């Protein structure tokens, strides 16, 4: 998603138009270029924060999985296989 926002930002740099089309939901609206640039920057910030939060959640889940694997392997030894193929 961030790559798409970056591409949109780059396209705005290349255009000379003062009013550009901006998609809001399923509708395109004609908006001033400065406002679109501002919205894209805000969207980039929100997306980056969400991505950062998801990375933290992923790390937490992976740590929990590692701990659970350790416990299960300790209990069942080689009679189970928890590794992905």
Protein backbone atom coordinates (compact mmCIF):
# COMPACT_ATOMS: atom_id res chain seq x y z
CA UNK A 1 0.00 0.00 0.00
CA UNK A 2 2.82 2.38 0.86
CA UNK A 3 4.36 1.75 -2.56
CA UNK A 4 1.09 2.78 -4.23
CA UNK A 5 1.01 5.97 -2.18
CA UNK A 6 4.62 6.67 -3.10
CA UNK A 7 3.78 6.14 -6.79
CA UNK A 8 0.82 8.52 -6.51
CA UNK A 9 3.03 11.10 -4.85
CA UNK A 10 5.59 10.80 -7.64
CA UNK A 11 2.86 11.20 -10.26
CA UNK A 12 1.74 14.42 -8.57
CA UNK A 13 5.27 15.77 -8.82
CA UNK A 14 5.27 15.14 -12.58
CA UNK A 15 1.94 16.81 -13.28
CA UNK A 16 1.51 20.51 -13.99
CA UNK A 17 -2.21 20.48 -13.26
CA UNK A 18 -3.45 22.49 -10.31
CA UNK A 19 -6.59 20.35 -10.01
CA UNK A 20 -6.20 16.57 -10.08
CA UNK A 21 -8.50 13.57 -9.77
CA UNK A 22 -8.36 11.85 -6.38
CA UNK A 23 -10.14 8.61 -5.58
CA UNK A 24 -12.23 8.63 -2.42
CA UNK A 25 -13.76 5.20 -1.96
CA UNK A 26 -15.21 4.31 -5.34
CA UNK A 27 -15.59 7.90 -6.54
CA UNK A 28 -13.08 10.21 -8.20
CA UNK A 29 -13.19 13.84 -7.11
CA UNK A 30 -11.40 16.84 -8.61
CA UNK A 31 -9.31 18.43 -5.87
CA UNK A 32 -6.50 20.98 -5.62
CA UNK A 33 -3.09 19.35 -5.99
CA UNK A 34 -1.85 20.70 -2.63
CA UNK A 35 -4.77 19.10 -0.81
CA UNK A 36 -4.16 15.78 -2.55
CA UNK A 37 -0.46 15.93 -1.63
CA UNK A 38 -1.43 16.57 1.99
CA UNK A 39 -3.89 13.67 2.01
CA UNK A 40 -1.35 11.30 0.48
CA UNK A 41 1.22 12.26 3.13
CA UNK A 42 -1.34 11.64 5.88
CA UNK A 43 -2.23 8.29 4.34
CA UNK A 44 1.48 7.36 4.20
CA UNK A 45 1.89 8.18 7.90
CA UNK A 46 -1.17 6.15 8.90
CA UNK A 47 -0.06 3.21 6.75
CA UNK A 48 3.47 3.31 8.19
CA UNK A 49 2.12 3.36 11.75
CA UNK A 50 -0.22 0.44 10.99
CA UNK A 51 2.62 -1.52 9.41
CA UNK A 52 4.84 -0.86 12.43
CA UNK A 53 2.07 -2.02 14.78
CA UNK A 54 1.53 -5.19 12.72
CA UNK A 55 5.27 -5.94 12.75
CA UNK A 56 5.28 -5.66 16.55
CA UNK A 57 2.26 -7.97 16.78
CA UNK A 58 3.95 -10.44 14.44
CA UNK A 59 7.10 -10.47 16.57
CA UNK A 60 5.01 -11.05 19.68
CA UNK A 61 3.11 -13.93 18.09
CA UNK A 62 6.33 -15.52 16.83
CA UNK A 63 7.82 -15.30 20.32
CA UNK A 64 4.70 -16.92 21.80
CA UNK A 65 4.84 -19.68 19.20
CA UNK A 66 8.50 -20.35 19.97
CA UNK A 67 7.71 -20.61 23.69
CA UNK A 68 4.78 -22.96 23.05
CA UNK A 69 6.93 -25.13 20.77
CA UNK A 70 9.57 -25.34 23.48
CA UNK A 71 6.98 -26.43 26.03
CA UNK A 72 5.39 -28.99 23.71
CA UNK A 73 8.70 -30.45 22.58
CA UNK A 74 9.72 -30.67 26.25
CA UNK A 75 6.59 -32.61 27.04
CA UNK A 76 6.27 -34.83 23.94
CA UNK A 77 9.93 -34.99 22.79
CA UNK A 78 10.25 -36.43 19.27
CA UNK A 79 6.72 -37.86 19.08
CA UNK A 80 5.42 -34.57 17.58
CA UNK A 81 6.50 -32.40 14.69
CA UNK A 82 5.57 -28.74 14.86
CA UNK A 83 7.77 -27.54 12.00
CA UNK A 84 6.30 -26.35 8.71
CA UNK A 85 7.11 -28.46 5.67
